[in-house]
Amino acid sequence: MIYDTKEYKNWEYKKIMEASYTCGYCGKYITSERGMALETKKSNGLLYNNKPYGIFICTNCNLPTFIYDDVQVPGNNYGATVKYIPDDVNEMYEEARRSFSVGAYTGVILLCRTLLDHIAVDFGAPENKRFQEYVEYLKDNNFVTARSDKWIDKIRTFGNKATHRLVINTKQDAEIIIKFCEMLLKTNYEYPHIADDEENEN
């Protein structure tokens, strides 16, 4: 998500030790040496910066990111954007990606379960059905390949744990689920649309 700062485009910054990261606002992988360094003291009491810690200004969207060790705020939205998908499906997918960026991994799992519901309804399934019925609909109508069954079962398993038991899902759980949803969206929306465009051009 990119915020429009309108006429406020210029930062009063200094050149600091550069850091490379994926910006949580625009999604670009950039290297920045603009910002405000997080400094430590030398033995003589003088402050200095010896590591890429601090607040960095994105060279693409001009928005700030805090970096310290393995902490990045805001974090990057895991997974890739997907083109040519309905607005409600896209919003659910992007909400899951944004949840990942703030470390809400259990929220990612629950959102991805709801995302599958949205996809199934968009492909003709009746509304207000149970999650398992939507999973079966996607399987029976070949929106999910045979080799993807285990992936959907993982989503169901993760979702059931998060819904019915006091379970905190991990970053790895969230990564697995988002990558599966990305694959499902690309194979059922983006790639067919690209193929149709190429066919129309020929």
C-alpha atoms as a PDB file:
ATOM      1  CA  MET A   1       0.000   0.000   0.000  1.00  0.00           C
ATOM      2  CA  ILE A   2       1.427   3.382  -1.040  1.00  0.00           C
ATOM      3  CA  TYR A   3       0.383   6.502   0.852  1.00  0.00           C
ATOM      4  CA  ASP A   4       0.091   9.732  -1.113  1.00  0.00           C
ATOM      5  CA  THR A   5       1.961  12.415   0.792  1.00  0.00           C
ATOM      6  CA  LYS A   6       0.827  14.943  -1.832  1.00  0.00           C
ATOM      7  CA  GLU A   7       3.146  17.968  -1.935  1.00  0.00           C
ATOM      8  CA  TYR A   8       5.254  16.665   0.985  1.00  0.00           C
ATOM      9  CA  LYS A   9       7.821  14.739  -1.030  1.00  0.00           C
ATOM     10  CA  ASN A  10      11.129  15.844   0.452  1.00  0.00           C
ATOM     11  CA  TRP A  11      12.789  14.511   3.588  1.00  0.00           C
ATOM     12  CA  GLU A  12      15.426  16.266   5.634  1.00  0.00           C
ATOM     13  CA  TYR A  13      17.808  13.326   5.793  1.00  0.00           C
ATOM     14  CA  LYS A  14      21.490  12.542   5.774  1.00  0.00           C
ATOM     15  CA  LYS A  15      23.533   9.904   3.991  1.00  0.00           C
ATOM     16  CA  ILE A  16      23.890   6.789   6.171  1.00  0.00           C
ATOM     17  CA  MET A  17      25.146   3.214   5.828  1.00  0.00           C
ATOM     18  CA  GLU A  18      23.004   1.678   3.109  1.00  0.00           C
ATOM     19  CA  ALA A  19      20.464  -1.093   3.622  1.00  0.00           C
ATOM     20  CA  SER A  20      18.748  -3.316   1.056  1.00  0.00           C
ATOM     21  CA  TYR A  21      15.185  -4.435   1.734  1.00  0.00           C
ATOM     22  CA  THR A  22      11.765  -5.008   0.201  1.00  0.00           C
ATOM     23  CA  CYS A  23       9.682  -1.932   0.942  1.00  0.00           C
ATOM     24  CA  GLY A  24       6.486  -2.720   2.842  1.00  0.00           C
ATOM     25  CA  TYR A  25       4.655   0.120   1.105  1.00  0.00           C
ATOM     26  CA  CYS A  26       5.416  -0.269  -2.607  1.00  0.00           C
ATOM     27  CA  GLY A  27       6.779  -3.830  -2.655  1.00  0.00           C
ATOM     28  CA  LYS A  28       9.973  -2.904  -4.495  1.00  0.00           C
ATOM     29  CA  TYR A  29      13.364  -4.336  -3.501  1.00  0.00           C
ATOM     30  CA  ILE A  30      15.562  -1.293  -3.062  1.00  0.00           C
ATOM     31  CA  THR A  31      18.866  -0.117  -1.603  1.00  0.00           C
ATOM     32  CA  SER A  32      18.749   3.134   0.339  1.00  0.00           C
ATOM     33  CA  GLU A  33      21.380   5.275   2.009  1.00  0.00           C
ATOM     34  CA  ARG A  34      18.942   8.046   2.861  1.00  0.00           C
ATOM     35  CA  GLY A  35      17.505   8.335   6.336  1.00  0.00           C
ATOM     36  CA  MET A  36      18.350   8.576  10.023  1.00  0.00           C
ATOM     37  CA  ALA A  37      20.935   6.201  11.477  1.00  0.00           C
ATOM     38  CA  LEU A  38      20.557   4.333  14.756  1.00  0.00           C
ATOM     39  CA  GLU A  39      23.886   5.044  16.445  1.00  0.00           C
ATOM     40  CA  THR A  40      25.965   3.586  19.263  1.00  0.00           C
ATOM     41  CA  LYS A  41      28.762   5.058  21.376  1.00  0.00           C
ATOM     42  CA  LYS A  42      32.480   4.627  20.932  1.00  0.00           C
ATOM     43  CA  SER A  43      34.726   4.190  23.956  1.00  0.00           C
ATOM     44  CA  ASN A  44      35.414   7.929  23.854  1.00  0.00           C
ATOM     45  CA  GLY A  45      31.693   8.659  24.079  1.00  0.00           C
ATOM     46  CA  LEU A  46      31.238   9.795  20.486  1.00  0.00           C
ATOM     47  CA  LEU A  47      28.259   8.446  18.552  1.00  0.00           C
ATOM     48  CA  TYR A  48      28.749   6.486  15.348  1.00  0.00           C
ATOM     49  CA  ASN A  49      26.884   4.146  13.000  1.00  0.00           C
ATOM     50  CA  ASN A  50      28.558   0.824  12.169  1.00  0.00           C
ATOM     51  CA  LYS A  51      25.573  -1.238  10.980  1.00  0.00           C
ATOM     52  CA  PRO A  52      22.631  -0.626   8.617  1.00  0.00           C
ATOM     53  CA  TYR A  53      20.237   0.166  11.465  1.00  0.00           C
ATOM     54  CA  GLY A  54      17.818   3.071  11.511  1.00  0.00           C
ATOM     55  CA  ILE A  55      15.064   4.636   9.443  1.00  0.00           C
ATOM     56  CA  PHE A  56      15.517   4.374   5.689  1.00  0.00           C
ATOM     57  CA  ILE A  57      13.693   6.301   2.971  1.00  0.00           C
ATOM     58  CA  CYS A  58      12.537   4.178   0.035  1.00  0.00           C
ATOM     59  CA  THR A  59      14.104   5.301  -3.234  1.00  0.00           C
ATOM     60  CA  ASN A  60      10.948   4.298  -5.102  1.00  0.00           C
ATOM     61  CA  CYS A  61       7.946   5.524  -3.069  1.00  0.00           C
ATOM     62  CA  ASN A  62       9.771   7.906  -0.690  1.00  0.00           C
ATOM     63  CA  LEU A  63       8.258   6.378   2.489  1.00  0.00           C
ATOM     64  CA  PRO A  64      10.153   5.418   5.692  1.00  0.00           C
ATOM     65  CA  THR A  65      11.044   1.959   7.024  1.00  0.00           C
ATOM     66  CA  PHE A  66      12.650   1.115  10.380  1.00  0.00           C
ATOM     67  CA  ILE A  67      15.319  -1.609  10.269  1.00  0.00           C
ATOM     68  CA  TYR A  68      17.158  -3.169  13.196  1.00  0.00           C
ATOM     69  CA  ASP A  69      18.848  -6.569  12.993  1.00  0.00           C
ATOM     70  CA  ASP A  70      16.132  -8.899  11.599  1.00  0.00           C
ATOM     71  CA  VAL A  71      13.297  -6.477  12.428  1.00  0.00           C
ATOM     72  CA  GLN A  72      11.667  -4.424   9.662  1.00  0.00           C
ATOM     73  CA  VAL A  73       8.674  -2.130  10.225  1.00  0.00           C
ATOM     74  CA  PRO A  74       6.570  -2.156   8.172  1.00  0.00           C
ATOM     75  CA  GLY A  75       7.500  -5.623   6.971  1.00  0.00           C
ATOM     76  CA  ASN A  76       7.142  -6.671   3.371  1.00  0.00           C
ATOM     77  CA  ASN A  77       3.935  -8.185   2.023  1.00  0.00           C
ATOM     78  CA  TYR A  78       4.823 -11.826   1.437  1.00  0.00           C
ATOM     79  CA  GLY A  79       3.821 -13.313  -1.925  1.00  0.00           C
ATOM     80  CA  ALA A  80       3.285 -11.646  -5.289  1.00  0.00           C
ATOM     81  CA  THR A  81       0.438  -9.504  -6.518  1.00  0.00           C
ATOM     82  CA  VAL A  82      -1.960 -11.268  -8.885  1.00  0.00           C
ATOM     83  CA  LYS A  83      -3.603  -9.634 -11.899  1.00  0.00           C
ATOM     84  CA  TYR A  84      -7.086 -10.028 -13.358  1.00  0.00           C
ATOM     85  CA  ILE A  85      -8.883 -11.199 -10.237  1.00  0.00           C
ATOM     86  CA  PRO A  86     -12.237  -9.902  -8.874  1.00  0.00           C
ATOM     87  CA  ASP A  87     -12.053  -7.031  -6.417  1.00  0.00           C
ATOM     88  CA  ASP A  88     -13.433  -8.972  -3.442  1.00  0.00           C
ATOM     89  CA  VAL A  89     -11.046 -11.865  -4.037  1.00  0.00           C
ATOM     90  CA  ASN A  90      -8.126  -9.484  -4.482  1.00  0.00           C
ATOM     91  CA  GLU A  91      -8.945  -7.538  -1.303  1.00  0.00           C
ATOM     92  CA  MET A  92      -9.034 -10.741   0.739  1.00  0.00           C
ATOM     93  CA  TYR A  93      -5.698 -11.898  -0.695  1.00  0.00           C
ATOM     94  CA  GLU A  94      -4.060  -8.507  -0.164  1.00  0.00           C
ATOM     95  CA  GLU A  95      -5.409  -8.354   3.402  1.00  0.00           C
ATOM     96  CA  ALA A  96      -3.720 -11.691   4.086  1.00  0.00           C
ATOM     97  CA  ARG A  97      -0.459 -10.334   2.666  1.00  0.00           C
ATOM     98  CA  ARG A  98      -0.733  -7.175   4.776  1.00  0.00           C
ATOM     99  CA  SER A  99      -1.379  -9.288   7.875  1.00  0.00           C
ATOM    100  CA  PHE A 100       1.853 -11.139   7.180  1.00  0.00           C
ATOM    101  CA  SER A 101       3.743  -7.844   7.045  1.00  0.00           C
ATOM    102  CA  VAL A 102       2.803  -7.063  10.662  1.00  0.00           C
ATOM    103  CA  GLY A 103       3.435 -10.575  11.969  1.00  0.00           C
ATOM    104  CA  ALA A 104      -0.259 -11.554  12.312  1.00  0.00           C
ATOM    105  CA  TYR A 105       0.382 -15.111  11.119  1.00  0.00           C
ATOM    106  CA  THR A 106      -2.715 -16.717  12.643  1.00  0.00           C
ATOM    107  CA  GLY A 107      -4.777 -14.001  10.955  1.00  0.00           C
ATOM    108  CA  VAL A 108      -3.149 -14.942   7.650  1.00  0.00           C
ATOM    109  CA  ILE A 109      -4.329 -18.542   8.038  1.00  0.00           C
ATOM    110  CA  LEU A 110      -7.924 -17.543   8.786  1.00  0.00           C
ATOM    111  CA  LEU A 111      -8.013 -15.013   5.944  1.00  0.00           C
ATOM    112  CA  CYS A 112      -6.762 -17.612   3.475  1.00  0.00           C
ATOM    113  CA  ARG A 113      -9.580 -19.972   4.481  1.00  0.00           C
ATOM    114  CA  THR A 114     -12.055 -17.175   3.780  1.00  0.00           C
ATOM    115  CA  LEU A 115     -10.218 -16.466   0.516  1.00  0.00           C
ATOM    116  CA  LEU A 116     -10.906 -20.009  -0.651  1.00  0.00           C
ATOM    117  CA  ASP A 117     -14.592 -19.468   0.137  1.00  0.00           C
ATOM    118  CA  HIS A 118     -14.585 -16.332  -2.036  1.00  0.00           C
ATOM    119  CA  ILE A 119     -12.853 -18.144  -4.893  1.00  0.00           C
ATOM    120  CA  ALA A 120     -15.320 -21.034  -4.801  1.00  0.00           C
ATOM    121  CA  VAL A 121     -18.329 -18.675  -4.842  1.00  0.00           C
ATOM    122  CA  ASP A 122     -16.802 -16.701  -7.705  1.00  0.00           C
ATOM    123  CA  PHE A 123     -16.561 -19.961  -9.669  1.00  0.00           C
ATOM    124  CA  GLY A 124     -20.202 -20.793  -9.123  1.00  0.00           C
ATOM    125  CA  ALA A 125     -20.503 -22.416  -5.684  1.00  0.00           C
ATOM    126  CA  PRO A 126     -23.588 -21.483  -3.606  1.00  0.00           C
ATOM    127  CA  GLU A 127     -23.082 -18.930  -0.850  1.00  0.00           C
ATOM    128  CA  ASN A 128     -23.229 -19.667   2.895  1.00  0.00           C
ATOM    129  CA  LYS A 129     -21.793 -23.173   2.710  1.00  0.00           C
ATOM    130  CA  ARG A 130     -19.292 -24.796   5.051  1.00  0.00           C
ATOM    131  CA  PHE A 131     -15.604 -24.481   4.294  1.00  0.00           C
ATOM    132  CA  GLN A 132     -15.234 -28.198   3.580  1.00  0.00           C
ATOM    133  CA  GLU A 133     -18.022 -27.977   0.985  1.00  0.00           C
ATOM    134  CA  TYR A 134     -16.163 -25.186  -0.780  1.00  0.00           C
ATOM    135  CA  VAL A 135     -12.974 -27.251  -0.744  1.00  0.00           C
ATOM    136  CA  GLU A 136     -14.842 -30.189  -2.310  1.00  0.00           C
ATOM    137  CA  TYR A 137     -16.368 -27.858  -4.907  1.00  0.00           C
ATOM    138  CA  LEU A 138     -12.926 -26.621  -5.981  1.00  0.00           C
ATOM    139  CA  LYS A 139     -11.631 -30.196  -6.195  1.00  0.00           C
ATOM    140  CA  ASP A 140     -14.672 -31.656  -7.995  1.00  0.00           C
ATOM    141  CA  ASN A 141     -14.706 -28.870 -10.591  1.00  0.00           C
ATOM    142  CA  ASN A 142     -10.976 -29.126 -11.320  1.00  0.00           C
ATOM    143  CA  PHE A 143     -10.041 -25.670 -10.055  1.00  0.00           C
ATOM    144  CA  VAL A 144      -7.457 -27.477  -7.936  1.00  0.00           C
ATOM    145  CA  THR A 145      -5.178 -30.071  -9.509  1.00  0.00           C
ATOM    146  CA  ALA A 146      -4.761 -33.513  -7.975  1.00  0.00           C
ATOM    147  CA  ARG A 147      -1.288 -32.640  -6.749  1.00  0.00           C
ATOM    148  CA  SER A 148      -2.682 -29.639  -4.861  1.00  0.00           C
ATOM    149  CA  ASP A 149      -4.982 -31.652  -2.597  1.00  0.00           C
ATOM    150  CA  LYS A 150      -2.405 -31.750   0.183  1.00  0.00           C
ATOM    151  CA  TRP A 151      -2.056 -27.976   0.029  1.00  0.00           C
ATOM    152  CA  ILE A 152      -5.782 -27.405   0.499  1.00  0.00           C
ATOM    153  CA  ASP A 153      -5.838 -29.946   3.297  1.00  0.00           C
ATOM    154  CA  LYS A 154      -3.085 -27.910   4.971  1.00  0.00           C
ATOM    155  CA  ILE A 155      -5.224 -24.788   4.769  1.00  0.00           C
ATOM    156  CA  ARG A 156      -8.168 -26.691   6.258  1.00  0.00           C
ATOM    157  CA  THR A 157      -5.977 -28.127   9.017  1.00  0.00           C
ATOM    158  CA  PHE A 158      -4.352 -24.768   9.834  1.00  0.00           C
ATOM    159  CA  GLY A 159      -7.712 -23.045   9.794  1.00  0.00           C
ATOM    160  CA  ASN A 160      -9.397 -25.606  12.031  1.00  0.00           C
ATOM    161  CA  LYS A 161      -6.578 -25.327  14.576  1.00  0.00           C
ATOM    162  CA  ALA A 162      -6.718 -21.541  14.578  1.00  0.00           C
ATOM    163  CA  THR A 163     -10.524 -21.522  14.834  1.00  0.00           C
ATOM    164  CA  HIS A 164     -11.184 -24.264  17.377  1.00  0.00           C
ATOM    165  CA  ARG A 165      -8.014 -24.453  19.458  1.00  0.00           C
ATOM    166  CA  LEU A 166      -5.741 -21.954  21.147  1.00  0.00           C
ATOM    167  CA  VAL A 167      -2.977 -22.247  18.551  1.00  0.00           C
ATOM    168  CA  ILE A 168      -0.579 -19.545  17.410  1.00  0.00           C
ATOM    169  CA  ASN A 169       0.452 -20.163  13.821  1.00  0.00           C
ATOM    170  CA  THR A 170       4.047 -19.604  12.754  1.00  0.00           C
ATOM    171  CA  LYS A 171       5.653 -17.477  10.074  1.00  0.00           C
ATOM    172  CA  GLN A 172       6.421 -20.634   8.107  1.00  0.00           C
ATOM    173  CA  ASP A 173       2.742 -21.687   8.266  1.00  0.00           C
ATOM    174  CA  ALA A 174       1.723 -18.302   6.888  1.00  0.00           C
ATOM    175  CA  GLU A 175       4.329 -18.431   4.105  1.00  0.00           C
ATOM    176  CA  ILE A 176       3.107 -21.860   2.973  1.00  0.00           C
ATOM    177  CA  ILE A 177      -0.526 -20.776   2.847  1.00  0.00           C
ATOM    178  CA  ILE A 178       0.087 -17.484   1.042  1.00  0.00           C
ATOM    179  CA  LYS A 179       2.236 -19.178  -1.606  1.00  0.00           C
ATOM    180  CA  PHE A 180      -0.488 -21.760  -2.192  1.00  0.00           C
ATOM    181  CA  CYS A 181      -3.173 -19.093  -2.534  1.00  0.00           C
ATOM    182  CA  GLU A 182      -0.924 -17.153  -4.900  1.00  0.00           C
ATOM    183  CA  MET A 183      -0.523 -20.278  -7.055  1.00  0.00           C
ATOM    184  CA  LEU A 184      -4.279 -20.960  -7.017  1.00  0.00           C
ATOM    185  CA  LEU A 185      -5.094 -17.385  -8.030  1.00  0.00           C
ATOM    186  CA  LYS A 186      -2.490 -17.255 -10.784  1.00  0.00           C
ATOM    187  CA  THR A 187      -3.491 -20.570 -12.360  1.00  0.00           C
ATOM    188  CA  ASN A 188      -7.233 -19.798 -12.294  1.00  0.00           C
ATOM    189  CA  TYR A 189      -7.244 -16.063 -13.041  1.00  0.00           C
ATOM    190  CA  GLU A 190      -4.005 -14.514 -14.247  1.00  0.00           C
ATOM    191  CA  TYR A 191      -2.604 -17.210 -16.562  1.00  0.00           C
ATOM    192  CA  PRO A 192      -5.897 -17.945 -18.388  1.00  0.00           C
ATOM    193  CA  HIS A 193      -6.360 -14.209 -18.959  1.00  0.00           C
ATOM    194  CA  ILE A 194      -2.840 -13.906 -20.403  1.00  0.00           C
ATOM    195  CA  ALA A 195      -3.461 -16.915 -22.652  1.00  0.00           C
ATOM    196  CA  ASP A 196      -6.730 -15.380 -23.892  1.00  0.00           C
ATOM    197  CA  ASP A 197      -4.969 -12.095 -24.686  1.00  0.00           C
ATOM    198  CA  GLU A 198      -2.258 -13.863 -26.694  1.00  0.00           C
ATOM    199  CA  GLU A 199      -4.871 -15.896 -28.576  1.00  0.00           C
ATOM    200  CA  ASN A 200      -6.806 -12.744 -29.475  1.00  0.00           C
ATOM    201  CA  GLU A 201      -3.647 -11.111 -30.781  1.00  0.00           C
ATOM    202  CA  ASN A 202      -2.886 -14.018 -33.141  1.00  0.00           C
END
